[in-house]
Amino acid sequence: MWVFDATPLIYLAKVDRLTVVQDLEVSCVIPERVYEEVVTTGLEEGFPDARRIERSVDADRFDIVSVETTSLLSRLQTNESLSDADAAVLACAGAHDGVAVMDETYGRDVAAAEGITTRGTAYLILKLAKAGTISGEEARTVIDAMIDEGWYCAPDVYSKIVQTLESVSD
């Protein structure tokens, strides 16, 4: 199970590439708290990417899930540096032996301390390129478009992404 945080959803939506998740082999879920943040609030504030995410949910690319109150969720909610949405993503992934799809370093560090597997947006795009689902060129276009939309990628990480994509294209 892939459990999506806000940032990967928002940037895949901004570049109109949410459809790529349908090619992942396992279910893709969005905790209710994340959905409220990116879709409900996003629609109220007029963000076009919110509508794209809503349409992807309507097309059954994602399931909306409630997150059960567990000791892990309660512990994560006491961390003032984590948003409620981040806590829900990590608790959901932890409870279902899933993978938290998040890009924020702090959330990933907390996940590592809790033994929760995380992957970022770039990982998903690279995974699909390596599987041949999308071409290396298409994957680079997606990464570059997300950066153009404001997605942060450190220069050294970007270099590694490009090298990996070049090896996939060979």
N, C-alpha and C. Protein backbone atom coordinates (compact mmCIF):
# COMPACT_ATOMS: atom_id res chain seq x y z
N MET A 1 0.85 -1.18 0.00
CA MET A 1 0.00 0.00 0.00
C MET A 1 0.89 1.24 0.00
N TRP A 2 0.58 2.16 -0.91
CA TRP A 2 1.25 3.46 -0.96
C TRP A 2 0.32 4.47 -0.27
N VAL A 3 0.83 5.15 0.74
CA VAL A 3 0.04 6.11 1.51
C VAL A 3 0.57 7.51 1.18
N PHE A 4 -0.24 8.30 0.49
CA PHE A 4 0.21 9.58 -0.05
C PHE A 4 0.03 10.75 0.91
N ASP A 5 1.10 11.53 1.02
CA ASP A 5 1.08 12.80 1.72
C ASP A 5 0.71 13.89 0.72
N ALA A 6 0.54 15.10 1.19
CA ALA A 6 0.07 16.21 0.36
C ALA A 6 1.03 16.58 -0.77
N THR A 7 2.31 16.74 -0.48
CA THR A 7 3.23 17.26 -1.49
C THR A 7 3.29 16.41 -2.76
N PRO A 8 3.46 15.10 -2.68
CA PRO A 8 3.46 14.31 -3.91
C PRO A 8 2.16 14.45 -4.70
N LEU A 9 1.03 14.47 -4.00
CA LEU A 9 -0.25 14.64 -4.69
C LEU A 9 -0.33 15.99 -5.39
N ILE A 10 0.03 17.02 -4.69
CA ILE A 10 -0.08 18.38 -5.23
C ILE A 10 0.79 18.54 -6.48
N TYR A 11 2.04 18.09 -6.40
CA TYR A 11 2.93 18.32 -7.55
C TYR A 11 2.64 17.40 -8.72
N LEU A 12 2.23 16.17 -8.47
CA LEU A 12 1.79 15.33 -9.59
C LEU A 12 0.53 15.92 -10.23
N ALA A 13 -0.33 16.53 -9.40
CA ALA A 13 -1.54 17.16 -9.94
C ALA A 13 -1.19 18.43 -10.72
N LYS A 14 -0.26 19.22 -10.21
CA LYS A 14 0.12 20.46 -10.89
C LYS A 14 0.61 20.19 -12.31
N VAL A 15 1.29 19.04 -12.51
CA VAL A 15 1.80 18.71 -13.84
C VAL A 15 0.89 17.70 -14.55
N ASP A 16 -0.30 17.52 -13.99
CA ASP A 16 -1.34 16.68 -14.58
C ASP A 16 -0.84 15.25 -14.87
N ARG A 17 -0.16 14.66 -13.87
CA ARG A 17 0.38 13.30 -14.02
C ARG A 17 -0.05 12.36 -12.91
N LEU A 18 -1.17 12.61 -12.29
CA LEU A 18 -1.68 11.70 -11.26
C LEU A 18 -2.02 10.32 -11.83
N THR A 19 -2.22 10.25 -13.13
CA THR A 19 -2.56 8.97 -13.75
C THR A 19 -1.44 7.94 -13.58
N VAL A 20 -0.21 8.38 -13.35
CA VAL A 20 0.89 7.42 -13.24
C VAL A 20 0.70 6.45 -12.09
N VAL A 21 -0.06 6.85 -11.06
CA VAL A 21 -0.21 5.96 -9.91
C VAL A 21 -0.99 4.70 -10.25
N GLN A 22 -1.79 4.75 -11.30
CA GLN A 22 -2.55 3.55 -11.65
C GLN A 22 -1.64 2.43 -12.12
N ASP A 23 -0.38 2.75 -12.44
CA ASP A 23 0.56 1.73 -12.88
C ASP A 23 1.39 1.14 -11.74
N LEU A 24 1.17 1.61 -10.53
CA LEU A 24 1.84 1.00 -9.37
C LEU A 24 1.10 -0.29 -9.03
N GLU A 25 1.84 -1.28 -8.58
CA GLU A 25 1.25 -2.61 -8.41
C GLU A 25 0.37 -2.77 -7.18
N VAL A 26 0.40 -1.81 -6.28
CA VAL A 26 -0.39 -1.95 -5.05
C VAL A 26 -1.33 -0.76 -4.91
N SER A 27 -2.23 -0.86 -3.95
CA SER A 27 -3.23 0.20 -3.78
C SER A 27 -2.58 1.51 -3.35
N CYS A 28 -3.21 2.60 -3.76
CA CYS A 28 -2.78 3.94 -3.41
C CYS A 28 -3.88 4.57 -2.57
N VAL A 29 -3.52 5.04 -1.38
CA VAL A 29 -4.53 5.60 -0.48
C VAL A 29 -4.13 7.00 -0.04
N ILE A 30 -5.15 7.76 0.32
CA ILE A 30 -4.97 9.10 0.87
C ILE A 30 -5.72 9.13 2.20
N PRO A 31 -5.03 9.38 3.29
CA PRO A 31 -5.74 9.53 4.56
C PRO A 31 -6.73 10.70 4.49
N GLU A 32 -7.85 10.57 5.20
CA GLU A 32 -8.88 11.60 5.18
C GLU A 32 -8.32 12.99 5.48
N ARG A 33 -7.40 13.06 6.44
CA ARG A 33 -6.84 14.37 6.83
C ARG A 33 -6.07 15.00 5.67
N VAL A 34 -5.36 14.20 4.89
CA VAL A 34 -4.64 14.72 3.72
C VAL A 34 -5.65 15.17 2.66
N TYR A 35 -6.68 14.38 2.45
CA TYR A 35 -7.71 14.74 1.48
C TYR A 35 -8.36 16.08 1.84
N GLU A 36 -8.67 16.25 3.12
CA GLU A 36 -9.25 17.52 3.57
C GLU A 36 -8.32 18.69 3.26
N GLU A 37 -7.03 18.48 3.51
CA GLU A 37 -6.04 19.54 3.29
C GLU A 37 -5.88 19.88 1.81
N VAL A 38 -5.72 18.85 0.96
CA VAL A 38 -5.39 19.13 -0.44
C VAL A 38 -6.61 19.32 -1.33
N VAL A 39 -7.71 18.65 -1.03
CA VAL A 39 -8.88 18.76 -1.89
C VAL A 39 -9.91 19.73 -1.31
N THR A 40 -10.42 19.44 -0.13
CA THR A 40 -11.47 20.29 0.43
C THR A 40 -10.99 21.74 0.57
N THR A 41 -9.88 21.94 1.25
CA THR A 41 -9.33 23.29 1.41
C THR A 41 -8.85 23.84 0.07
N GLY A 42 -8.22 22.99 -0.73
CA GLY A 42 -7.72 23.42 -2.04
C GLY A 42 -8.82 23.92 -2.96
N LEU A 43 -9.96 23.23 -2.96
CA LEU A 43 -11.10 23.67 -3.78
C LEU A 43 -11.65 25.00 -3.26
N GLU A 44 -11.75 25.11 -1.93
CA GLU A 44 -12.24 26.36 -1.34
C GLU A 44 -11.36 27.54 -1.72
N GLU A 45 -10.06 27.28 -1.86
CA GLU A 45 -9.10 28.35 -2.18
C GLU A 45 -8.86 28.48 -3.68
N GLY A 46 -9.53 27.66 -4.48
CA GLY A 46 -9.48 27.81 -5.93
C GLY A 46 -8.26 27.22 -6.63
N PHE A 47 -7.62 26.23 -6.03
CA PHE A 47 -6.45 25.62 -6.65
C PHE A 47 -6.87 24.55 -7.68
N PRO A 48 -6.45 24.70 -8.94
CA PRO A 48 -6.82 23.72 -9.97
C PRO A 48 -6.32 22.30 -9.66
N ASP A 49 -5.16 22.20 -9.00
CA ASP A 49 -4.64 20.87 -8.69
C ASP A 49 -5.56 20.13 -7.72
N ALA A 50 -6.30 20.84 -6.90
CA ALA A 50 -7.24 20.19 -5.98
C ALA A 50 -8.33 19.45 -6.76
N ARG A 51 -8.81 20.07 -7.81
CA ARG A 51 -9.83 19.43 -8.66
C ARG A 51 -9.26 18.20 -9.36
N ARG A 52 -8.01 18.27 -9.79
CA ARG A 52 -7.38 17.11 -10.43
C ARG A 52 -7.27 15.93 -9.46
N ILE A 53 -6.93 16.23 -8.22
CA ILE A 53 -6.83 15.17 -7.21
C ILE A 53 -8.22 14.59 -6.94
N GLU A 54 -9.21 15.46 -6.81
CA GLU A 54 -10.59 15.00 -6.60
C GLU A 54 -11.03 14.08 -7.74
N ARG A 55 -10.73 14.46 -8.98
CA ARG A 55 -11.11 13.64 -10.12
C ARG A 55 -10.37 12.29 -10.11
N SER A 56 -9.12 12.27 -9.65
CA SER A 56 -8.38 11.01 -9.57
C SER A 56 -8.99 10.08 -8.52
N VAL A 57 -9.48 10.66 -7.44
CA VAL A 57 -10.18 9.85 -6.43
C VAL A 57 -11.48 9.32 -7.03
N ASP A 58 -12.22 10.19 -7.72
CA ASP A 58 -13.47 9.77 -8.35
C ASP A 58 -13.24 8.66 -9.39
N ALA A 59 -12.06 8.67 -10.03
CA ALA A 59 -11.71 7.66 -11.03
C ALA A 59 -11.12 6.39 -10.39
N ASP A 60 -11.18 6.32 -9.06
CA ASP A 60 -10.69 5.15 -8.30
C ASP A 60 -9.18 4.92 -8.41
N ARG A 61 -8.42 5.97 -8.68
CA ARG A 61 -6.96 5.84 -8.65
C ARG A 61 -6.46 5.82 -7.21
N PHE A 62 -7.22 6.45 -6.33
CA PHE A 62 -6.89 6.52 -4.90
C PHE A 62 -8.13 6.17 -4.10
N ASP A 63 -7.90 5.55 -2.95
CA ASP A 63 -8.96 5.33 -1.98
C ASP A 63 -8.71 6.28 -0.81
N ILE A 64 -9.78 6.85 -0.29
CA ILE A 64 -9.69 7.70 0.91
C ILE A 64 -9.88 6.78 2.11
N VAL A 65 -8.98 6.87 3.08
CA VAL A 65 -9.06 5.98 4.24
C VAL A 65 -9.06 6.79 5.53
N SER A 66 -9.80 6.27 6.49
CA SER A 66 -9.73 6.87 7.82
C SER A 66 -8.55 6.21 8.54
N VAL A 67 -7.95 6.94 9.42
CA VAL A 67 -6.79 6.42 10.15
C VAL A 67 -7.22 6.13 11.57
N GLU A 68 -7.06 4.88 11.93
CA GLU A 68 -7.45 4.43 13.26
C GLU A 68 -6.55 5.06 14.32
N THR A 69 -7.16 5.43 15.44
CA THR A 69 -6.39 5.98 16.54
C THR A 69 -5.61 4.84 17.21
N THR A 70 -4.31 4.92 17.08
CA THR A 70 -3.41 3.92 17.66
C THR A 70 -2.41 4.64 18.54
N SER A 71 -1.62 3.87 19.26
CA SER A 71 -0.58 4.49 20.09
C SER A 71 0.42 5.24 19.21
N LEU A 72 0.69 4.71 18.01
CA LEU A 72 1.60 5.40 17.09
C LEU A 72 1.02 6.75 16.68
N LEU A 73 -0.25 6.79 16.27
CA LEU A 73 -0.86 8.06 15.87
C LEU A 73 -0.85 9.03 17.04
N SER A 74 -1.21 8.56 18.21
CA SER A 74 -1.24 9.44 19.39
C SER A 74 0.15 10.01 19.67
N ARG A 75 1.17 9.19 19.56
CA ARG A 75 2.54 9.64 19.78
C ARG A 75 2.95 10.67 18.72
N LEU A 76 2.64 10.38 17.46
CA LEU A 76 3.01 11.29 16.37
C LEU A 76 2.29 12.64 16.52
N GLN A 77 1.06 12.62 17.00
CA GLN A 77 0.30 13.86 17.15
C GLN A 77 0.86 14.77 18.24
N THR A 78 1.69 14.23 19.12
CA THR A 78 2.32 15.08 20.15
C THR A 78 3.55 15.80 19.60
N ASN A 79 3.98 15.42 18.42
CA ASN A 79 5.14 16.06 17.78
C ASN A 79 4.67 17.33 17.08
N GLU A 80 4.99 18.48 17.66
CA GLU A 80 4.50 19.75 17.13
C GLU A 80 5.10 20.10 15.77
N SER A 81 6.16 19.40 15.37
CA SER A 81 6.77 19.67 14.07
C SER A 81 6.13 18.89 12.93
N LEU A 82 5.22 17.98 13.27
CA LEU A 82 4.48 17.22 12.26
C LEU A 82 3.06 17.77 12.16
N SER A 83 2.57 17.94 10.94
CA SER A 83 1.17 18.34 10.77
C SER A 83 0.28 17.13 11.06
N ASP A 84 -1.00 17.39 11.26
CA ASP A 84 -1.96 16.29 11.46
C ASP A 84 -1.96 15.37 10.25
N ALA A 85 -1.83 15.94 9.06
CA ALA A 85 -1.80 15.14 7.83
C ALA A 85 -0.57 14.24 7.80
N ASP A 86 0.59 14.79 8.16
CA ASP A 86 1.81 13.98 8.18
C ASP A 86 1.69 12.83 9.18
N ALA A 87 1.16 13.13 10.35
CA ALA A 87 0.96 12.09 11.37
C ALA A 87 0.02 11.00 10.85
N ALA A 88 -1.04 11.41 10.14
CA ALA A 88 -1.98 10.43 9.60
C ALA A 88 -1.33 9.55 8.54
N VAL A 89 -0.51 10.14 7.68
CA VAL A 89 0.19 9.36 6.65
C VAL A 89 1.09 8.32 7.30
N LEU A 90 1.89 8.76 8.26
CA LEU A 90 2.84 7.83 8.91
C LEU A 90 2.10 6.77 9.71
N ALA A 91 1.06 7.14 10.42
CA ALA A 91 0.30 6.16 11.21
C ALA A 91 -0.38 5.13 10.31
N CYS A 92 -0.92 5.59 9.20
CA CYS A 92 -1.58 4.68 8.26
C CYS A 92 -0.57 3.71 7.65
N ALA A 93 0.56 4.24 7.20
CA ALA A 93 1.60 3.38 6.63
C ALA A 93 2.11 2.39 7.68
N GLY A 94 2.30 2.88 8.89
CA GLY A 94 2.79 2.00 9.96
C GLY A 94 1.81 0.90 10.31
N ALA A 95 0.53 1.23 10.36
CA ALA A 95 -0.50 0.26 10.74
C ALA A 95 -0.73 -0.81 9.68
N HIS A 96 -0.46 -0.48 8.42
CA HIS A 96 -0.76 -1.40 7.32
C HIS A 96 0.49 -1.91 6.60
N ASP A 97 1.65 -1.73 7.25
CA ASP A 97 2.93 -2.13 6.64
C ASP A 97 3.04 -1.56 5.23
N GLY A 98 2.60 -0.31 5.10
CA GLY A 98 2.63 0.37 3.81
C GLY A 98 3.85 1.25 3.67
N VAL A 99 3.88 1.98 2.58
CA VAL A 99 4.96 2.91 2.30
C VAL A 99 4.39 4.32 2.31
N ALA A 100 4.96 5.19 3.13
CA ALA A 100 4.54 6.58 3.17
C ALA A 100 5.21 7.32 2.02
N VAL A 101 4.41 7.91 1.14
CA VAL A 101 4.95 8.67 0.02
C VAL A 101 4.97 10.13 0.45
N MET A 102 6.17 10.58 0.85
CA MET A 102 6.31 11.96 1.32
C MET A 102 7.69 12.48 0.95
N ASP A 103 7.76 13.77 0.72
CA ASP A 103 9.01 14.39 0.29
C ASP A 103 9.71 15.17 1.40
N GLU A 104 9.00 15.56 2.43
CA GLU A 104 9.60 16.38 3.48
C GLU A 104 10.60 15.58 4.31
N THR A 105 11.79 16.16 4.47
CA THR A 105 12.89 15.49 5.17
C THR A 105 12.52 15.16 6.61
N TYR A 106 11.91 16.10 7.32
CA TYR A 106 11.60 15.86 8.72
C TYR A 106 10.64 14.67 8.88
N GLY A 107 9.60 14.64 8.08
CA GLY A 107 8.65 13.53 8.15
C GLY A 107 9.31 12.20 7.84
N ARG A 108 10.22 12.22 6.87
CA ARG A 108 10.95 10.99 6.53
C ARG A 108 11.87 10.56 7.67
N ASP A 109 12.47 11.54 8.36
CA ASP A 109 13.33 11.23 9.51
C ASP A 109 12.51 10.61 10.65
N VAL A 110 11.34 11.17 10.91
CA VAL A 110 10.46 10.62 11.94
C VAL A 110 10.05 9.20 11.55
N ALA A 111 9.71 9.00 10.28
CA ALA A 111 9.33 7.67 9.81
C ALA A 111 10.44 6.67 10.03
N ALA A 112 11.67 7.06 9.72
CA ALA A 112 12.81 6.16 9.90
C ALA A 112 12.96 5.78 11.37
N ALA A 113 12.77 6.74 12.25
CA ALA A 113 12.87 6.46 13.69
C ALA A 113 11.78 5.50 14.15
N GLU A 114 10.63 5.53 13.47
CA GLU A 114 9.50 4.66 13.83
C GLU A 114 9.51 3.34 13.06
N GLY A 115 10.48 3.17 12.15
CA GLY A 115 10.55 1.93 11.37
C GLY A 115 9.54 1.89 10.23
N ILE A 116 9.13 3.05 9.73
CA ILE A 116 8.16 3.15 8.64
C ILE A 116 8.91 3.46 7.35
N THR A 117 8.63 2.70 6.32
CA THR A 117 9.28 2.92 5.03
C THR A 117 8.69 4.14 4.34
N THR A 118 9.56 4.97 3.78
CA THR A 118 9.10 6.13 3.01
C THR A 118 9.76 6.10 1.63
N ARG A 119 9.07 6.72 0.71
CA ARG A 119 9.60 6.97 -0.63
C ARG A 119 9.09 8.33 -1.05
N GLY A 120 9.83 8.99 -1.92
CA GLY A 120 9.43 10.30 -2.39
C GLY A 120 8.82 10.26 -3.77
N THR A 121 8.39 11.42 -4.22
CA THR A 121 7.78 11.54 -5.54
C THR A 121 8.75 11.09 -6.63
N ALA A 122 10.01 11.52 -6.52
CA ALA A 122 11.00 11.15 -7.54
C ALA A 122 11.17 9.64 -7.60
N TYR A 123 11.14 8.97 -6.45
CA TYR A 123 11.25 7.51 -6.43
C TYR A 123 10.15 6.87 -7.27
N LEU A 124 8.92 7.34 -7.11
CA LEU A 124 7.80 6.76 -7.87
C LEU A 124 8.02 6.93 -9.37
N ILE A 125 8.46 8.12 -9.78
CA ILE A 125 8.68 8.38 -11.20
C ILE A 125 9.82 7.49 -11.72
N LEU A 126 10.89 7.39 -10.96
CA LEU A 126 12.02 6.52 -11.36
C LEU A 126 11.59 5.05 -11.41
N LYS A 127 10.80 4.63 -10.45
CA LYS A 127 10.32 3.24 -10.43
C LYS A 127 9.54 2.92 -11.70
N LEU A 128 8.67 3.84 -12.10
CA LEU A 128 7.87 3.63 -13.31
C LEU A 128 8.74 3.65 -14.57
N ALA A 129 9.76 4.48 -14.58
CA ALA A 129 10.68 4.52 -15.73
C ALA A 129 11.49 3.23 -15.81
N LYS A 130 11.98 2.77 -14.67
CA LYS A 130 12.76 1.52 -14.65
C LYS A 130 11.91 0.33 -15.08
N ALA A 131 10.63 0.37 -14.75
CA ALA A 131 9.72 -0.72 -15.13
C ALA A 131 9.30 -0.63 -16.59
N GLY A 132 9.63 0.49 -17.24
CA GLY A 132 9.25 0.67 -18.64
C GLY A 132 7.82 1.17 -18.82
N THR A 133 7.19 1.53 -17.72
CA THR A 133 5.82 2.04 -17.78
C THR A 133 5.79 3.41 -18.44
N ILE A 134 6.79 4.23 -18.11
CA ILE A 134 6.98 5.51 -18.79
C ILE A 134 8.42 5.54 -19.28
N SER A 135 8.68 6.30 -20.30
CA SER A 135 10.05 6.38 -20.84
C SER A 135 10.91 7.24 -19.93
N GLY A 136 12.22 7.09 -20.08
CA GLY A 136 13.15 7.94 -19.34
C GLY A 136 12.94 9.40 -19.68
N GLU A 137 12.66 9.67 -20.94
CA GLU A 137 12.42 11.05 -21.38
C GLU A 137 11.16 11.61 -20.74
N GLU A 138 10.11 10.80 -20.71
CA GLU A 138 8.86 11.24 -20.09
C GLU A 138 9.05 11.47 -18.59
N ALA A 139 9.82 10.59 -17.95
CA ALA A 139 10.08 10.74 -16.52
C ALA A 139 10.83 12.04 -16.25
N ARG A 140 11.81 12.35 -17.08
CA ARG A 140 12.56 13.61 -16.89
C ARG A 140 11.64 14.80 -17.12
N THR A 141 10.76 14.71 -18.08
CA THR A 141 9.81 15.79 -18.33
C THR A 141 8.94 16.02 -17.10
N VAL A 142 8.48 14.95 -16.46
CA VAL A 142 7.65 15.07 -15.26
C VAL A 142 8.45 15.73 -14.14
N ILE A 143 9.67 15.26 -13.89
CA ILE A 143 10.52 15.83 -12.84
C ILE A 143 10.77 17.31 -13.10
N ASP A 144 11.17 17.64 -14.34
CA ASP A 144 11.45 19.04 -14.67
C ASP A 144 10.20 19.91 -14.53
N ALA A 145 9.06 19.40 -14.93
CA ALA A 145 7.81 20.16 -14.83
C ALA A 145 7.45 20.41 -13.36
N MET A 146 7.66 19.40 -12.50
CA MET A 146 7.38 19.59 -11.08
C MET A 146 8.30 20.67 -10.50
N ILE A 147 9.56 20.65 -10.89
CA ILE A 147 10.50 21.67 -10.42
C ILE A 147 10.05 23.05 -10.90
N ASP A 148 9.62 23.13 -12.15
CA ASP A 148 9.12 24.40 -12.69
C ASP A 148 7.91 24.91 -11.90
N GLU A 149 7.14 23.98 -11.32
CA GLU A 149 5.96 24.34 -10.53
C GLU A 149 6.29 24.66 -9.08
N GLY A 150 7.58 24.52 -8.70
CA GLY A 150 7.98 24.87 -7.35
C GLY A 150 8.38 23.71 -6.46
N TRP A 151 8.35 22.48 -6.99
CA TRP A 151 8.77 21.31 -6.22
C TRP A 151 10.26 21.42 -5.96
N TYR A 152 10.68 21.25 -4.72
CA TYR A 152 12.10 21.40 -4.39
C TYR A 152 12.83 20.09 -4.60
N CYS A 153 13.96 20.20 -5.29
CA CYS A 153 14.85 19.06 -5.48
C CYS A 153 16.27 19.61 -5.39
N ALA A 154 17.02 19.12 -4.42
CA ALA A 154 18.40 19.58 -4.25
C ALA A 154 19.20 19.28 -5.51
N PRO A 155 20.14 20.15 -5.87
CA PRO A 155 20.91 19.95 -7.10
C PRO A 155 21.61 18.59 -7.19
N ASP A 156 22.18 18.12 -6.08
CA ASP A 156 22.86 16.82 -6.12
C ASP A 156 21.88 15.68 -6.33
N VAL A 157 20.68 15.80 -5.76
CA VAL A 157 19.65 14.78 -5.96
C VAL A 157 19.18 14.81 -7.41
N TYR A 158 19.00 16.01 -7.95
CA TYR A 158 18.57 16.14 -9.35
C TYR A 158 19.59 15.49 -10.28
N SER A 159 20.88 15.70 -10.01
CA SER A 159 21.93 15.07 -10.83
C SER A 159 21.83 13.56 -10.81
N LYS A 160 21.57 13.01 -9.62
CA LYS A 160 21.43 11.55 -9.50
C LYS A 160 20.19 11.06 -10.25
N ILE A 161 19.11 11.82 -10.18
CA ILE A 161 17.89 11.45 -10.90
C ILE A 161 18.17 11.41 -12.41
N VAL A 162 18.82 12.46 -12.90
CA VAL A 162 19.13 12.53 -14.34
C VAL A 162 20.04 11.38 -14.76
N GLN A 163 21.06 11.09 -13.94
CA GLN A 163 21.95 9.94 -14.26
C GLN A 163 21.17 8.65 -14.31
N THR A 164 20.30 8.44 -13.38
CA THR A 164 19.50 7.21 -13.34
C THR A 164 18.62 7.14 -14.58
N LEU A 165 17.97 8.26 -14.93
CA LEU A 165 17.11 8.27 -16.10
C LEU A 165 17.88 8.04 -17.39
N GLU A 166 19.09 8.56 -17.46
CA GLU A 166 19.93 8.33 -18.64
C GLU A 166 20.29 6.85 -18.77
N SER A 167 20.55 6.20 -17.65
CA SER A 167 20.88 4.76 -17.68
C SER A 167 19.65 3.93 -18.07
N VAL A 168 18.46 4.40 -17.68
CA VAL A 168 17.21 3.72 -18.04
C VAL A 168 16.97 3.85 -19.54
N SER A 169 17.31 5.02 -20.07
CA SER A 169 17.06 5.29 -21.51
C SER A 169 18.04 4.56 -22.41
N ASP A 170 19.19 4.15 -21.87
CA ASP A 170 20.20 3.46 -22.72
C ASP A 170 19.79 2.07 -23.09
